Amino acid sequence: MLAKVFRFHGYGSLKFVYSKGSTVRARFLSMKYIANSRREQSRIAVVVSKKITKKAPERNRMRRRLYEAVRHEWPAIIPGYDLVITVFDERIGTIPSEELTSLVHDLLVSADVLKK
C-alpha cells in the first residue's frame, strides 16, 4: 500500500481538486488532477462512493487495491501533483490486479503526470 504521507483526504483538499482540476477517464475509473506548486511531493486520494456498494469492507478493498496499483507507478509520477481517483464501477473490486495496474497506468499517461 502507498505510504500515508503520499495520501490525502479532507473536504478542503478534495474540493480544490474537484473544482480546479482536469479530468481523465478510463473504463471503471476517472481521475482529477492539478499541479500543486505549494507541495514538493505528489499526493493522491481514492474515492469510492456508497453508490458503488453499501458495504464498507468492499469499498475499503477497492481503495486498498487502487493504492497498491498506484504504489507501483509512484516513482514515475512527477512531484507536485494532487490526484483524486474516483471509482464508478463495482467491478474494480474483482478485476485482476494486472488489469487494474494497467488502468491506473493509462490514467496517469493520459493526464501526462508521468516522468518522461
N, C-alpha and C. Protein backbone atom coordinates (compact mmCIF):
# COMPACT_ATOMS: atom_id res chain seq x y z
N MET A 1 0.84 -1.18 0.00
CA MET A 1 0.00 0.00 0.00
C MET A 1 0.88 1.24 0.00
N LEU A 2 0.39 2.27 -0.58
CA LEU A 2 1.11 3.53 -0.66
C LEU A 2 1.24 4.16 0.73
N ALA A 3 2.40 4.71 1.03
CA ALA A 3 2.65 5.31 2.35
C ALA A 3 1.66 6.44 2.63
N LYS A 4 1.32 6.60 3.88
CA LYS A 4 0.31 7.57 4.28
C LYS A 4 0.73 9.01 3.96
N VAL A 5 2.01 9.28 3.92
CA VAL A 5 2.49 10.63 3.65
C VAL A 5 2.12 11.07 2.22
N PHE A 6 1.89 10.12 1.33
CA PHE A 6 1.55 10.44 -0.06
C PHE A 6 0.04 10.47 -0.29
N ARG A 7 -0.75 10.17 0.73
CA ARG A 7 -2.20 10.17 0.59
C ARG A 7 -2.77 11.42 1.25
N PHE A 8 -3.95 11.81 0.81
CA PHE A 8 -4.63 12.92 1.46
C PHE A 8 -6.13 12.72 1.42
N HIS A 9 -6.82 13.45 2.26
CA HIS A 9 -8.27 13.41 2.30
C HIS A 9 -8.72 14.70 2.93
N GLY A 10 -9.97 14.86 3.07
CA GLY A 10 -10.49 16.06 3.68
C GLY A 10 -11.22 16.91 2.66
N TYR A 11 -12.26 17.51 3.11
CA TYR A 11 -13.16 18.24 2.23
C TYR A 11 -12.46 19.37 1.48
N GLY A 12 -11.62 20.14 2.16
CA GLY A 12 -10.97 21.28 1.52
C GLY A 12 -10.04 20.89 0.38
N SER A 13 -9.21 19.91 0.61
CA SER A 13 -8.26 19.46 -0.41
C SER A 13 -8.99 18.86 -1.60
N LEU A 14 -9.96 18.00 -1.33
CA LEU A 14 -10.71 17.38 -2.41
C LEU A 14 -11.52 18.41 -3.19
N LYS A 15 -12.10 19.35 -2.48
CA LYS A 15 -12.90 20.39 -3.13
C LYS A 15 -12.04 21.20 -4.10
N PHE A 16 -10.82 21.52 -3.70
CA PHE A 16 -9.91 22.26 -4.57
C PHE A 16 -9.62 21.50 -5.86
N VAL A 17 -9.32 20.21 -5.73
CA VAL A 17 -9.01 19.39 -6.91
C VAL A 17 -10.25 19.23 -7.78
N TYR A 18 -11.41 18.99 -7.16
CA TYR A 18 -12.64 18.81 -7.93
C TYR A 18 -13.03 20.09 -8.68
N SER A 19 -12.82 21.24 -8.06
CA SER A 19 -13.27 22.48 -8.70
C SER A 19 -12.28 23.00 -9.74
N LYS A 20 -10.99 22.85 -9.51
CA LYS A 20 -9.99 23.44 -10.40
C LYS A 20 -9.29 22.44 -11.30
N GLY A 21 -9.40 21.14 -10.99
CA GLY A 21 -8.60 20.13 -11.68
C GLY A 21 -9.13 19.72 -13.04
N SER A 22 -8.29 19.05 -13.79
CA SER A 22 -8.64 18.47 -15.08
C SER A 22 -9.01 17.00 -14.87
N THR A 23 -9.75 16.43 -15.82
CA THR A 23 -10.25 15.07 -15.66
C THR A 23 -9.81 14.18 -16.81
N VAL A 24 -9.47 12.94 -16.49
CA VAL A 24 -9.27 11.89 -17.49
C VAL A 24 -10.08 10.69 -17.01
N ARG A 25 -10.53 9.88 -17.98
CA ARG A 25 -11.37 8.73 -17.66
C ARG A 25 -10.80 7.46 -18.25
N ALA A 26 -11.01 6.37 -17.53
CA ALA A 26 -10.72 5.03 -18.02
C ALA A 26 -12.02 4.24 -17.93
N ARG A 27 -11.92 2.96 -18.11
CA ARG A 27 -13.13 2.14 -18.18
C ARG A 27 -13.95 2.16 -16.90
N PHE A 28 -13.34 1.98 -15.74
CA PHE A 28 -14.07 1.92 -14.48
C PHE A 28 -13.72 3.06 -13.54
N LEU A 29 -12.80 3.94 -13.96
CA LEU A 29 -12.25 4.96 -13.08
C LEU A 29 -12.23 6.31 -13.78
N SER A 30 -12.16 7.34 -12.97
CA SER A 30 -11.81 8.66 -13.50
C SER A 30 -10.79 9.27 -12.54
N MET A 31 -10.02 10.21 -13.05
CA MET A 31 -9.01 10.85 -12.22
C MET A 31 -9.03 12.35 -12.46
N LYS A 32 -9.12 13.09 -11.37
CA LYS A 32 -8.96 14.54 -11.42
C LYS A 32 -7.56 14.83 -10.92
N TYR A 33 -6.93 15.81 -11.54
CA TYR A 33 -5.55 16.13 -11.16
C TYR A 33 -5.31 17.62 -11.35
N ILE A 34 -4.38 18.13 -10.56
CA ILE A 34 -3.98 19.53 -10.68
C ILE A 34 -2.57 19.67 -10.10
N ALA A 35 -1.79 20.52 -10.72
CA ALA A 35 -0.46 20.81 -10.19
C ALA A 35 -0.61 21.64 -8.92
N ASN A 36 0.15 21.29 -7.91
CA ASN A 36 0.10 22.00 -6.63
C ASN A 36 1.49 22.52 -6.34
N SER A 37 1.73 23.76 -6.64
CA SER A 37 3.07 24.34 -6.50
C SER A 37 3.51 24.48 -5.04
N ARG A 38 2.59 24.38 -4.11
CA ARG A 38 2.95 24.50 -2.70
C ARG A 38 3.49 23.20 -2.12
N ARG A 39 3.45 22.13 -2.89
CA ARG A 39 3.90 20.82 -2.41
C ARG A 39 5.14 20.36 -3.17
N GLU A 40 6.05 19.72 -2.48
CA GLU A 40 7.24 19.17 -3.11
C GLU A 40 7.00 17.75 -3.61
N GLN A 41 6.00 17.08 -3.08
CA GLN A 41 5.71 15.72 -3.50
C GLN A 41 4.24 15.63 -3.91
N SER A 42 3.94 14.66 -4.73
CA SER A 42 2.57 14.45 -5.16
C SER A 42 1.78 13.76 -4.06
N ARG A 43 0.47 13.95 -4.10
CA ARG A 43 -0.43 13.30 -3.16
C ARG A 43 -1.58 12.69 -3.94
N ILE A 44 -2.19 11.67 -3.37
CA ILE A 44 -3.31 11.01 -4.05
C ILE A 44 -4.40 10.67 -3.05
N ALA A 45 -5.63 10.70 -3.53
CA ALA A 45 -6.79 10.25 -2.76
C ALA A 45 -7.60 9.32 -3.66
N VAL A 46 -8.22 8.33 -3.05
CA VAL A 46 -9.10 7.42 -3.78
C VAL A 46 -10.49 7.55 -3.16
N VAL A 47 -11.48 7.80 -4.01
CA VAL A 47 -12.85 8.00 -3.55
C VAL A 47 -13.72 6.86 -4.09
N VAL A 48 -14.37 6.14 -3.17
CA VAL A 48 -15.31 5.09 -3.55
C VAL A 48 -16.62 5.43 -2.85
N SER A 49 -17.61 5.80 -3.61
CA SER A 49 -18.89 6.25 -3.07
C SER A 49 -19.74 5.09 -2.57
N LYS A 50 -20.67 5.40 -1.69
CA LYS A 50 -21.63 4.39 -1.25
C LYS A 50 -22.59 4.02 -2.38
N LYS A 51 -22.64 4.82 -3.43
CA LYS A 51 -23.46 4.45 -4.58
C LYS A 51 -22.89 3.22 -5.28
N ILE A 52 -21.58 3.01 -5.16
CA ILE A 52 -20.93 1.86 -5.79
C ILE A 52 -21.30 0.59 -5.04
N THR A 53 -21.10 0.60 -3.74
CA THR A 53 -21.51 -0.52 -2.89
C THR A 53 -21.75 0.02 -1.48
N LYS A 54 -22.77 -0.50 -0.85
CA LYS A 54 -23.11 -0.05 0.51
C LYS A 54 -22.19 -0.64 1.56
N LYS A 55 -21.47 -1.69 1.21
CA LYS A 55 -20.67 -2.42 2.19
C LYS A 55 -19.28 -1.81 2.33
N ALA A 56 -18.98 -1.34 3.54
CA ALA A 56 -17.69 -0.69 3.80
C ALA A 56 -16.50 -1.60 3.52
N PRO A 57 -16.53 -2.88 3.87
CA PRO A 57 -15.37 -3.72 3.56
C PRO A 57 -15.07 -3.82 2.06
N GLU A 58 -16.11 -3.82 1.25
CA GLU A 58 -15.89 -3.85 -0.21
C GLU A 58 -15.31 -2.54 -0.70
N ARG A 59 -15.81 -1.41 -0.18
CA ARG A 59 -15.26 -0.11 -0.58
C ARG A 59 -13.80 0.00 -0.14
N ASN A 60 -13.49 -0.47 1.06
CA ASN A 60 -12.12 -0.42 1.56
C ASN A 60 -11.20 -1.30 0.73
N ARG A 61 -11.69 -2.45 0.30
CA ARG A 61 -10.89 -3.35 -0.53
C ARG A 61 -10.56 -2.68 -1.87
N MET A 62 -11.55 -2.03 -2.46
CA MET A 62 -11.32 -1.31 -3.72
C MET A 62 -10.26 -0.22 -3.52
N ARG A 63 -10.41 0.50 -2.43
CA ARG A 63 -9.48 1.58 -2.12
C ARG A 63 -8.05 1.04 -1.94
N ARG A 64 -7.90 -0.03 -1.18
CA ARG A 64 -6.58 -0.63 -0.95
C ARG A 64 -5.97 -1.14 -2.25
N ARG A 65 -6.77 -1.77 -3.10
CA ARG A 65 -6.27 -2.27 -4.37
C ARG A 65 -5.78 -1.13 -5.26
N LEU A 66 -6.49 -0.02 -5.25
CA LEU A 66 -6.08 1.12 -6.07
C LEU A 66 -4.81 1.76 -5.52
N TYR A 67 -4.70 1.90 -4.21
CA TYR A 67 -3.48 2.44 -3.63
C TYR A 67 -2.28 1.55 -3.97
N GLU A 68 -2.49 0.24 -3.97
CA GLU A 68 -1.41 -0.68 -4.31
C GLU A 68 -1.02 -0.53 -5.78
N ALA A 69 -2.00 -0.38 -6.66
CA ALA A 69 -1.71 -0.19 -8.08
C ALA A 69 -0.95 1.12 -8.30
N VAL A 70 -1.30 2.15 -7.57
CA VAL A 70 -0.61 3.44 -7.69
C VAL A 70 0.80 3.34 -7.13
N ARG A 71 0.99 2.55 -6.09
CA ARG A 71 2.31 2.40 -5.49
C ARG A 71 3.34 1.90 -6.50
N HIS A 72 2.92 1.02 -7.39
CA HIS A 72 3.84 0.51 -8.42
C HIS A 72 4.25 1.61 -9.40
N GLU A 73 3.40 2.59 -9.62
CA GLU A 73 3.67 3.67 -10.56
C GLU A 73 4.26 4.91 -9.88
N TRP A 74 4.24 4.94 -8.55
CA TRP A 74 4.59 6.15 -7.80
C TRP A 74 5.96 6.75 -8.13
N PRO A 75 7.02 5.96 -8.27
CA PRO A 75 8.33 6.56 -8.56
C PRO A 75 8.36 7.33 -9.89
N ALA A 76 7.46 7.01 -10.81
CA ALA A 76 7.45 7.65 -12.12
C ALA A 76 6.56 8.89 -12.17
N ILE A 77 5.83 9.19 -11.09
CA ILE A 77 4.93 10.34 -11.09
C ILE A 77 5.73 11.61 -10.80
N ILE A 78 5.45 12.64 -11.58
CA ILE A 78 6.11 13.94 -11.40
C ILE A 78 5.71 14.53 -10.05
N PRO A 79 6.66 14.99 -9.25
CA PRO A 79 6.31 15.60 -7.95
C PRO A 79 5.49 16.87 -8.11
N GLY A 80 4.63 17.13 -7.13
CA GLY A 80 3.88 18.37 -7.09
C GLY A 80 2.49 18.30 -7.67
N TYR A 81 1.91 17.13 -7.77
CA TYR A 81 0.54 16.98 -8.27
C TYR A 81 -0.37 16.46 -7.17
N ASP A 82 -1.61 16.92 -7.18
CA ASP A 82 -2.67 16.34 -6.36
C ASP A 82 -3.56 15.53 -7.30
N LEU A 83 -3.76 14.27 -6.98
CA LEU A 83 -4.53 13.35 -7.82
C LEU A 83 -5.69 12.78 -7.01
N VAL A 84 -6.87 12.70 -7.62
CA VAL A 84 -8.01 12.07 -6.97
C VAL A 84 -8.59 11.05 -7.94
N ILE A 85 -8.51 9.78 -7.57
CA ILE A 85 -9.08 8.72 -8.40
C ILE A 85 -10.47 8.40 -7.84
N THR A 86 -11.46 8.42 -8.73
CA THR A 86 -12.84 8.14 -8.35
C THR A 86 -13.28 6.86 -9.03
N VAL A 87 -13.83 5.96 -8.25
CA VAL A 87 -14.34 4.69 -8.77
C VAL A 87 -15.80 4.87 -9.13
N PHE A 88 -16.20 4.43 -10.32
CA PHE A 88 -17.62 4.49 -10.67
C PHE A 88 -18.17 3.16 -11.17
N ASP A 89 -17.46 2.07 -10.88
CA ASP A 89 -17.97 0.75 -11.22
C ASP A 89 -17.49 -0.26 -10.18
N GLU A 90 -18.40 -1.09 -9.70
CA GLU A 90 -18.06 -2.04 -8.63
C GLU A 90 -17.12 -3.15 -9.09
N ARG A 91 -16.91 -3.32 -10.39
CA ARG A 91 -16.04 -4.38 -10.89
C ARG A 91 -14.56 -4.12 -10.56
N ILE A 92 -14.23 -2.92 -10.09
CA ILE A 92 -12.86 -2.63 -9.66
C ILE A 92 -12.43 -3.59 -8.56
N GLY A 93 -13.37 -4.03 -7.75
CA GLY A 93 -13.06 -4.94 -6.65
C GLY A 93 -12.72 -6.35 -7.09
N THR A 94 -13.05 -6.72 -8.34
CA THR A 94 -12.87 -8.10 -8.76
C THR A 94 -11.97 -8.29 -9.98
N ILE A 95 -11.60 -7.22 -10.68
CA ILE A 95 -10.76 -7.41 -11.86
C ILE A 95 -9.35 -7.82 -11.43
N PRO A 96 -8.62 -8.53 -12.29
CA PRO A 96 -7.25 -8.95 -11.93
C PRO A 96 -6.35 -7.74 -11.66
N SER A 97 -5.39 -7.92 -10.78
CA SER A 97 -4.53 -6.80 -10.38
C SER A 97 -3.70 -6.28 -11.55
N GLU A 98 -3.32 -7.12 -12.49
CA GLU A 98 -2.56 -6.65 -13.66
C GLU A 98 -3.40 -5.68 -14.49
N GLU A 99 -4.68 -6.01 -14.65
CA GLU A 99 -5.58 -5.13 -15.40
C GLU A 99 -5.80 -3.82 -14.66
N LEU A 100 -5.92 -3.89 -13.34
CA LEU A 100 -6.10 -2.69 -12.53
C LEU A 100 -4.87 -1.79 -12.63
N THR A 101 -3.69 -2.37 -12.53
CA THR A 101 -2.46 -1.60 -12.66
C THR A 101 -2.37 -0.96 -14.04
N SER A 102 -2.80 -1.68 -15.05
CA SER A 102 -2.80 -1.15 -16.41
C SER A 102 -3.77 0.02 -16.55
N LEU A 103 -4.95 -0.08 -15.92
CA LEU A 103 -5.92 1.03 -15.95
C LEU A 103 -5.34 2.28 -15.29
N VAL A 104 -4.70 2.09 -14.14
CA VAL A 104 -4.10 3.22 -13.42
C VAL A 104 -2.98 3.83 -14.26
N HIS A 105 -2.16 2.99 -14.86
CA HIS A 105 -1.08 3.49 -15.71
C HIS A 105 -1.64 4.30 -16.88
N ASP A 106 -2.70 3.81 -17.51
CA ASP A 106 -3.33 4.53 -18.62
C ASP A 106 -3.86 5.88 -18.18
N LEU A 107 -4.45 5.94 -16.98
CA LEU A 107 -4.93 7.23 -16.45
C LEU A 107 -3.78 8.21 -16.28
N LEU A 108 -2.69 7.73 -15.70
CA LEU A 108 -1.54 8.60 -15.44
C LEU A 108 -0.90 9.07 -16.75
N VAL A 109 -0.85 8.20 -17.74
CA VAL A 109 -0.31 8.59 -19.05
C VAL A 109 -1.21 9.63 -19.70
N SER A 110 -2.53 9.41 -19.63
CA SER A 110 -3.48 10.36 -20.21
C SER A 110 -3.38 11.74 -19.56
N ALA A 111 -3.13 11.74 -18.25
CA ALA A 111 -3.02 13.00 -17.52
C ALA A 111 -1.66 13.66 -17.72
N ASP A 112 -0.71 12.93 -18.29
CA ASP A 112 0.63 13.44 -18.54
C ASP A 112 1.33 13.83 -17.23
N VAL A 113 1.19 12.98 -16.21
CA VAL A 113 1.85 13.24 -14.94
C VAL A 113 3.00 12.27 -14.67
N LEU A 114 3.36 11.47 -15.66
CA LEU A 114 4.49 10.56 -15.52
C LEU A 114 5.75 11.20 -16.09
N LYS A 115 6.87 10.89 -15.45
CA LYS A 115 8.17 11.39 -15.94
C LYS A 115 8.45 10.78 -17.30
N LYS A 116 9.11 11.52 -18.13
CA LYS A 116 9.45 11.05 -19.49
C LYS A 116 10.57 10.06 -19.44
